[in-house]
């Protein structure tokens, strides 16, 4: 999951060229929000389901990454407990970012739905 904040796009709601926040899940663009007027355009009706699949995919790759990291640098194992303790907090932060796209669009009533085909 990634939120990109430095995209300059023309907003389809207010018609101005402004900064947009882009929400990527599993390397696919799922939503964008205009920083000028706050209009949110979702490219997927199932943002929460897409996020769940993204987390499941990253979790499935975790054992392989762990083994690869241990073989690349055995000293990495020292930092593992700290990284393991911080992971729930980073997941909560991600959930907050995903829900912010939906929450802000519902509050402002400026949500536009588009098909995934652009």
Protein backbone atom coordinates (compact mmCIF):
# COMPACT_ATOMS: atom_id res chain seq x y z
CA UNK A 1 0.00 0.00 0.00
CA UNK A 2 1.26 3.44 -0.87
CA UNK A 3 -0.17 6.95 -0.72
CA UNK A 4 1.53 9.34 -3.12
CA UNK A 5 1.02 13.00 -2.27
CA UNK A 6 2.93 14.91 -4.93
CA UNK A 7 0.85 14.27 -8.06
CA UNK A 8 -0.35 17.30 -10.01
CA UNK A 9 -3.52 16.48 -11.94
CA UNK A 10 -6.53 18.31 -13.36
CA UNK A 11 -9.50 17.68 -11.08
CA UNK A 12 -12.63 16.52 -12.85
CA UNK A 13 -14.83 18.13 -10.17
CA UNK A 14 -13.40 21.63 -9.75
CA UNK A 15 -11.56 21.77 -13.10
CA UNK A 16 -8.33 23.18 -11.70
CA UNK A 17 -4.83 21.79 -11.85
CA UNK A 18 -4.01 20.89 -8.26
CA UNK A 19 -2.17 18.43 -6.06
CA UNK A 20 -3.85 15.06 -5.65
CA UNK A 21 -3.29 12.22 -3.21
CA UNK A 22 -3.15 8.86 -4.97
CA UNK A 23 -3.92 5.58 -3.17
CA UNK A 24 -2.12 2.53 -4.59
CA UNK A 25 -3.00 -0.97 -3.43
CA UNK A 26 -1.00 -3.91 -4.78
CA UNK A 27 0.66 -1.59 -7.33
CA UNK A 28 -2.69 -0.52 -8.80
CA UNK A 29 -4.27 2.93 -8.51
CA UNK A 30 -7.47 2.58 -6.47
CA UNK A 31 -8.46 6.17 -5.57
CA UNK A 32 -7.43 9.80 -5.93
CA UNK A 33 -8.36 12.85 -3.89
CA UNK A 34 -8.06 16.50 -4.93
CA UNK A 35 -6.30 18.59 -2.28
CA UNK A 36 -8.04 21.72 -3.62
CA UNK A 37 -11.73 20.76 -3.41
CA UNK A 38 -11.51 17.41 -1.59
CA UNK A 39 -13.33 15.43 -4.28
CA UNK A 40 -12.48 11.73 -4.18
CA UNK A 41 -12.54 9.54 -7.26
CA UNK A 42 -12.48 5.82 -6.59
CA UNK A 43 -11.38 3.49 -9.37
CA UNK A 44 -12.47 0.41 -7.44
CA UNK A 45 -15.77 -0.13 -5.64
CA UNK A 46 -14.06 -2.55 -3.27
CA UNK A 47 -11.22 -0.53 -1.73
CA UNK A 48 -11.41 -2.38 1.59
CA UNK A 49 -11.43 -5.80 -0.09
CA UNK A 50 -8.50 -4.73 -2.27
CA UNK A 51 -6.62 -3.62 0.85
CA UNK A 52 -7.32 -6.97 2.54
CA UNK A 53 -5.94 -8.82 -0.52
CA UNK A 54 -2.88 -6.53 -0.49
CA UNK A 55 -2.18 -7.28 3.19
CA UNK A 56 -2.75 -11.01 2.63
CA UNK A 57 -0.29 -11.00 -0.28
CA UNK A 58 2.36 -9.17 1.71
CA UNK A 59 1.83 -11.53 4.65
CA UNK A 60 2.21 -14.58 2.41
CA UNK A 61 5.57 -13.27 1.15
CA UNK A 62 6.84 -12.57 4.68
CA UNK A 63 8.48 -15.97 5.42
CA UNK A 64 10.44 -15.84 2.16
CA UNK A 65 11.58 -12.30 2.86
CA UNK A 66 12.61 -13.28 6.38
CA UNK A 67 14.77 -16.17 5.14
CA UNK A 68 16.28 -14.02 2.39
CA UNK A 69 17.14 -11.25 4.86
CA UNK A 70 18.79 -13.70 7.26
CA UNK A 71 21.01 -15.11 4.51
CA UNK A 72 21.92 -11.67 3.14
CA UNK A 73 22.97 -10.29 6.48
CA UNK A 74 22.78 -12.34 9.68
CA UNK A 75 23.18 -9.16 11.76
CA UNK A 76 19.65 -8.22 10.60
CA UNK A 77 18.22 -10.72 13.09
CA UNK A 78 19.16 -8.35 15.95
CA UNK A 79 16.67 -5.72 14.72
CA UNK A 80 13.86 -8.24 14.16
CA UNK A 81 12.19 -7.86 17.61
CA UNK A 82 11.93 -4.09 17.19
CA UNK A 83 10.53 -4.44 13.67
CA UNK A 84 8.02 -7.05 14.86
CA UNK A 85 6.79 -4.77 17.65
CA UNK A 86 6.38 -1.80 15.28
CA UNK A 87 4.45 -3.72 12.59
CA UNK A 88 0.97 -3.53 14.23
CA UNK A 89 1.32 0.24 14.48
CA UNK A 90 2.26 0.57 10.82
CA UNK A 91 -0.76 -1.57 9.86
CA UNK A 92 -3.03 0.69 11.94
CA UNK A 93 -1.55 3.70 10.15
CA UNK A 94 -2.25 2.07 6.77
CA UNK A 95 -5.83 1.29 7.76
CA UNK A 96 -6.26 4.92 8.76
CA UNK A 97 -4.98 6.09 5.38
CA UNK A 98 -7.31 3.75 3.48
CA UNK A 99 -10.37 4.72 5.52
CA UNK A 100 -9.51 8.43 5.19
CA UNK A 101 -10.18 8.24 1.45
CA UNK A 102 -13.65 6.81 2.07
CA UNK A 103 -14.46 8.88 5.16
CA UNK A 104 -13.60 12.27 3.62
CA UNK A 105 -15.51 11.53 0.46
CA UNK A 106 -18.66 10.62 2.39
CA UNK A 107 -18.46 13.72 4.58
CA UNK A 108 -18.16 16.10 1.64
CA UNK A 109 -20.55 14.28 -0.65
CA UNK A 110 -18.19 14.79 -3.59
CA UNK A 111 -17.51 11.18 -4.41
CA UNK A 112 -17.37 10.22 -8.06
CA UNK A 113 -17.26 6.59 -9.06
CA UNK A 114 -15.53 5.53 -12.25
CA UNK A 115 -15.04 2.20 -13.88
CA UNK A 116 -11.62 0.61 -13.56
CA UNK A 117 -11.17 1.05 -17.31
CA UNK A 118 -9.74 4.47 -18.05
